[in-house]
């Protein structure tokens, strides 16, 4: 089976979303505050698919953040929501 492009691969999209959050200290700080993680534990958490699903859920819960990431990643907000749903089901 050929690899899926990153925009359709939920895990790759979630990793992109996490990178997007990390691009701005304020965005990352808010995310870390809400998750209880620290910069030191973030890398370890990112290896867990359930955590990656929660990154997409976090974006989905904040429309302005969702739209900003959507534009940055050049994907539709709906595709982000679908990726989150797929990751939650798996």
N, C-alpha and C. Protein backbone atom coordinates (compact mmCIF):
# COMPACT_ATOMS: atom_id res chain seq x y z
N UNK A 1 0.85 -1.17 0.00
CA UNK A 1 0.00 0.00 0.00
C UNK A 1 0.90 1.24 0.00
N UNK A 2 0.65 2.21 -0.91
CA UNK A 2 1.48 3.42 -0.93
C UNK A 2 1.23 4.28 0.30
N UNK A 3 2.25 5.01 0.75
CA UNK A 3 2.05 5.87 1.92
C UNK A 3 1.04 6.98 1.62
N UNK A 4 0.29 7.33 2.65
CA UNK A 4 -0.68 8.41 2.50
C UNK A 4 0.04 9.75 2.61
N UNK A 5 -0.42 10.76 1.86
CA UNK A 5 0.18 12.08 2.03
C UNK A 5 -0.06 12.58 3.45
N UNK A 6 0.83 13.43 3.97
CA UNK A 6 0.69 13.90 5.35
C UNK A 6 -0.67 14.49 5.68
N UNK A 7 -1.30 15.17 4.75
CA UNK A 7 -2.59 15.80 5.03
C UNK A 7 -3.68 14.77 5.31
N UNK A 8 -3.51 13.54 4.82
CA UNK A 8 -4.54 12.53 5.04
C UNK A 8 -4.13 11.51 6.09
N UNK A 9 -2.91 11.57 6.55
CA UNK A 9 -2.43 10.67 7.59
C UNK A 9 -2.65 11.35 8.94
N UNK A 10 -3.59 10.85 9.72
CA UNK A 10 -3.94 11.52 10.98
C UNK A 10 -2.75 11.73 11.91
N UNK A 11 -1.87 10.73 12.00
CA UNK A 11 -0.73 10.87 12.90
C UNK A 11 0.23 11.96 12.42
N UNK A 12 0.50 12.00 11.13
CA UNK A 12 1.38 13.03 10.59
C UNK A 12 0.75 14.42 10.74
N UNK A 13 -0.54 14.50 10.57
CA UNK A 13 -1.23 15.77 10.75
C UNK A 13 -1.12 16.22 12.21
N UNK A 14 -1.27 15.28 13.13
CA UNK A 14 -1.15 15.62 14.55
C UNK A 14 0.27 16.07 14.91
N UNK A 15 1.26 15.44 14.32
CA UNK A 15 2.65 15.86 14.56
C UNK A 15 2.86 17.26 14.00
N UNK A 16 2.29 17.53 12.84
CA UNK A 16 2.36 18.89 12.26
C UNK A 16 1.67 19.89 13.18
N UNK A 17 0.55 19.48 13.75
CA UNK A 17 -0.19 20.36 14.66
C UNK A 17 0.64 20.66 15.91
N UNK A 18 1.32 19.66 16.42
CA UNK A 18 2.17 19.86 17.58
C UNK A 18 3.33 20.80 17.24
N UNK A 19 3.90 20.64 16.08
CA UNK A 19 4.96 21.56 15.63
C UNK A 19 4.43 22.98 15.50
N UNK A 20 3.23 23.09 14.99
CA UNK A 20 2.58 24.40 14.85
C UNK A 20 2.44 25.06 16.22
N UNK A 21 2.00 24.30 17.21
CA UNK A 21 1.87 24.85 18.57
C UNK A 21 3.22 25.28 19.11
N UNK A 22 4.26 24.51 18.80
CA UNK A 22 5.60 24.80 19.33
C UNK A 22 6.26 26.01 18.66
N UNK A 23 5.73 26.44 17.53
CA UNK A 23 6.32 27.58 16.81
C UNK A 23 6.19 28.89 17.58
N UNK A 24 5.19 29.00 18.42
CA UNK A 24 4.98 30.23 19.19
C UNK A 24 4.96 29.88 20.67
N UNK A 25 5.86 30.48 21.44
CA UNK A 25 5.93 30.17 22.87
C UNK A 25 4.60 30.32 23.61
N UNK A 26 3.82 31.32 23.27
CA UNK A 26 2.54 31.53 23.95
C UNK A 26 1.57 30.38 23.68
N UNK A 27 1.51 29.94 22.42
CA UNK A 27 0.62 28.80 22.07
C UNK A 27 1.07 27.54 22.79
N UNK A 28 2.39 27.29 22.77
CA UNK A 28 2.90 26.09 23.41
C UNK A 28 2.71 26.14 24.92
N UNK A 29 2.94 27.29 25.51
CA UNK A 29 2.79 27.44 26.96
C UNK A 29 1.36 27.15 27.39
N UNK A 30 0.40 27.67 26.66
CA UNK A 30 -1.02 27.41 26.99
C UNK A 30 -1.34 25.93 26.88
N UNK A 31 -0.85 25.30 25.82
CA UNK A 31 -1.07 23.87 25.63
C UNK A 31 -0.46 23.06 26.77
N UNK A 32 0.77 23.39 27.12
CA UNK A 32 1.44 22.68 28.21
C UNK A 32 0.72 22.88 29.53
N UNK A 33 0.26 24.11 29.77
CA UNK A 33 -0.48 24.38 31.01
C UNK A 33 -1.74 23.52 31.10
N UNK A 34 -2.45 23.40 29.99
CA UNK A 34 -3.70 22.65 29.99
C UNK A 34 -3.49 21.13 30.07
N UNK A 35 -2.37 20.67 29.54
CA UNK A 35 -2.12 19.23 29.55
C UNK A 35 -1.35 18.77 30.79
N UNK A 36 -0.70 19.72 31.46
CA UNK A 36 0.11 19.35 32.61
C UNK A 36 1.49 18.83 32.23
N UNK A 37 1.83 18.92 30.96
CA UNK A 37 3.14 18.47 30.50
C UNK A 37 4.16 19.58 30.65
N UNK A 38 5.41 19.22 30.55
CA UNK A 38 6.50 20.19 30.54
C UNK A 38 7.25 20.01 29.22
N UNK A 39 8.08 20.97 28.85
CA UNK A 39 8.84 20.77 27.62
C UNK A 39 9.65 19.47 27.64
N UNK A 40 10.10 19.07 28.81
CA UNK A 40 10.87 17.85 28.93
C UNK A 40 10.07 16.58 28.73
N UNK A 41 8.79 16.60 29.03
CA UNK A 41 7.96 15.40 28.89
C UNK A 41 7.18 15.38 27.58
N UNK A 42 7.21 16.49 26.86
CA UNK A 42 6.44 16.60 25.62
C UNK A 42 6.91 15.60 24.57
N UNK A 43 8.21 15.47 24.40
CA UNK A 43 8.74 14.56 23.38
C UNK A 43 8.30 13.12 23.65
N UNK A 44 8.35 12.71 24.90
CA UNK A 44 7.93 11.36 25.25
C UNK A 44 6.44 11.17 24.99
N UNK A 45 5.64 12.16 25.36
CA UNK A 45 4.19 12.08 25.14
C UNK A 45 3.85 12.00 23.65
N UNK A 46 4.64 12.68 22.82
CA UNK A 46 4.36 12.72 21.39
C UNK A 46 4.51 11.35 20.72
N UNK A 47 5.12 10.41 21.39
CA UNK A 47 5.25 9.06 20.84
C UNK A 47 3.97 8.23 21.02
N UNK A 48 3.04 8.75 21.78
CA UNK A 48 1.79 8.03 22.08
C UNK A 48 0.68 8.50 21.14
N UNK A 49 0.13 7.60 20.32
CA UNK A 49 -0.93 7.99 19.39
C UNK A 49 -2.14 8.62 20.09
N UNK A 50 -2.43 8.20 21.32
CA UNK A 50 -3.56 8.81 22.05
C UNK A 50 -3.27 10.27 22.36
N UNK A 51 -2.03 10.57 22.68
CA UNK A 51 -1.66 11.96 22.92
C UNK A 51 -1.79 12.76 21.64
N UNK A 52 -1.33 12.20 20.53
CA UNK A 52 -1.43 12.91 19.26
C UNK A 52 -2.89 13.19 18.90
N UNK A 53 -3.76 12.26 19.20
CA UNK A 53 -5.19 12.49 18.98
C UNK A 53 -5.67 13.66 19.83
N UNK A 54 -5.15 13.76 21.05
CA UNK A 54 -5.57 14.86 21.93
C UNK A 54 -5.07 16.20 21.43
N UNK A 55 -3.96 16.21 20.69
CA UNK A 55 -3.47 17.46 20.08
C UNK A 55 -4.49 17.97 19.08
N UNK A 56 -5.00 17.07 18.24
CA UNK A 56 -6.01 17.48 17.26
C UNK A 56 -7.31 17.89 17.95
N UNK A 57 -7.67 17.20 19.02
CA UNK A 57 -8.86 17.59 19.79
C UNK A 57 -8.68 18.98 20.39
N UNK A 58 -7.49 19.27 20.85
CA UNK A 58 -7.19 20.58 21.42
C UNK A 58 -7.39 21.67 20.36
N UNK A 59 -6.89 21.44 19.17
CA UNK A 59 -7.09 22.42 18.10
C UNK A 59 -8.57 22.58 17.76
N UNK A 60 -9.26 21.46 17.71
CA UNK A 60 -10.68 21.48 17.34
C UNK A 60 -11.52 22.26 18.36
N UNK A 61 -11.06 22.32 19.58
CA UNK A 61 -11.81 23.01 20.64
C UNK A 61 -11.64 24.53 20.59
N UNK A 62 -10.71 25.01 19.79
CA UNK A 62 -10.44 26.45 19.70
C UNK A 62 -10.50 26.85 18.23
N UNK A 63 -11.62 27.41 17.83
CA UNK A 63 -11.85 27.69 16.41
C UNK A 63 -10.77 28.57 15.80
N UNK A 64 -10.34 29.60 16.49
CA UNK A 64 -9.31 30.47 15.90
C UNK A 64 -7.99 29.72 15.72
N UNK A 65 -7.66 28.88 16.67
CA UNK A 65 -6.45 28.08 16.56
C UNK A 65 -6.60 27.04 15.45
N UNK A 66 -7.76 26.42 15.36
CA UNK A 66 -8.04 25.45 14.31
C UNK A 66 -7.89 26.10 12.93
N UNK A 67 -8.46 27.28 12.76
CA UNK A 67 -8.38 27.97 11.47
C UNK A 67 -6.95 28.39 11.15
N UNK A 68 -6.21 28.82 12.16
CA UNK A 68 -4.81 29.22 11.94
C UNK A 68 -3.98 28.02 11.52
N UNK A 69 -4.16 26.89 12.19
CA UNK A 69 -3.41 25.69 11.81
C UNK A 69 -3.85 25.21 10.44
N UNK A 70 -5.13 25.24 10.18
CA UNK A 70 -5.65 24.81 8.89
C UNK A 70 -4.99 25.60 7.75
N UNK A 71 -4.91 26.90 7.91
CA UNK A 71 -4.28 27.74 6.89
C UNK A 71 -2.79 27.44 6.79
N UNK A 72 -2.15 27.27 7.93
CA UNK A 72 -0.71 26.99 7.96
C UNK A 72 -0.39 25.66 7.29
N UNK A 73 -1.18 24.65 7.54
CA UNK A 73 -0.94 23.31 7.01
C UNK A 73 -1.56 23.11 5.63
N UNK A 74 -2.33 24.09 5.19
CA UNK A 74 -3.01 24.03 3.89
C UNK A 74 -3.93 22.81 3.79
N UNK A 75 -4.70 22.62 4.86
CA UNK A 75 -5.72 21.57 4.91
C UNK A 75 -7.01 22.22 5.40
N UNK A 76 -8.10 21.58 5.13
CA UNK A 76 -9.38 22.13 5.58
C UNK A 76 -9.59 21.83 7.06
N UNK A 77 -10.31 22.69 7.76
CA UNK A 77 -10.65 22.38 9.15
C UNK A 77 -11.38 21.04 9.27
N UNK A 78 -12.20 20.73 8.27
CA UNK A 78 -12.94 19.47 8.29
C UNK A 78 -12.00 18.27 8.26
N UNK A 79 -10.92 18.38 7.50
CA UNK A 79 -9.98 17.25 7.43
C UNK A 79 -9.27 17.06 8.76
N UNK A 80 -9.06 18.13 9.49
CA UNK A 80 -8.45 18.03 10.82
C UNK A 80 -9.42 17.34 11.77
N UNK A 81 -10.69 17.73 11.69
CA UNK A 81 -11.71 17.11 12.53
C UNK A 81 -11.85 15.62 12.19
N UNK A 82 -11.82 15.30 10.91
CA UNK A 82 -11.92 13.90 10.49
C UNK A 82 -10.71 13.10 10.98
N UNK A 83 -9.53 13.69 10.91
CA UNK A 83 -8.33 13.01 11.40
C UNK A 83 -8.43 12.74 12.90
N UNK A 84 -8.93 13.72 13.64
CA UNK A 84 -9.10 13.53 15.09
C UNK A 84 -10.07 12.40 15.36
N UNK A 85 -11.16 12.35 14.62
CA UNK A 85 -12.15 11.29 14.80
C UNK A 85 -11.57 9.92 14.47
N UNK A 86 -10.79 9.85 13.40
CA UNK A 86 -10.16 8.57 13.02
C UNK A 86 -9.18 8.10 14.10
N UNK A 87 -8.41 9.03 14.63
CA UNK A 87 -7.44 8.65 15.66
C UNK A 87 -8.13 8.20 16.94
N UNK A 88 -9.25 8.81 17.25
CA UNK A 88 -9.98 8.46 18.46
C UNK A 88 -10.60 7.06 18.32
N UNK A 89 -11.04 6.72 17.12
CA UNK A 89 -11.65 5.40 16.87
C UNK A 89 -10.61 4.29 16.91
N UNK A 90 -9.41 4.59 16.45
CA UNK A 90 -8.37 3.53 16.34
C UNK A 90 -7.80 3.13 17.64
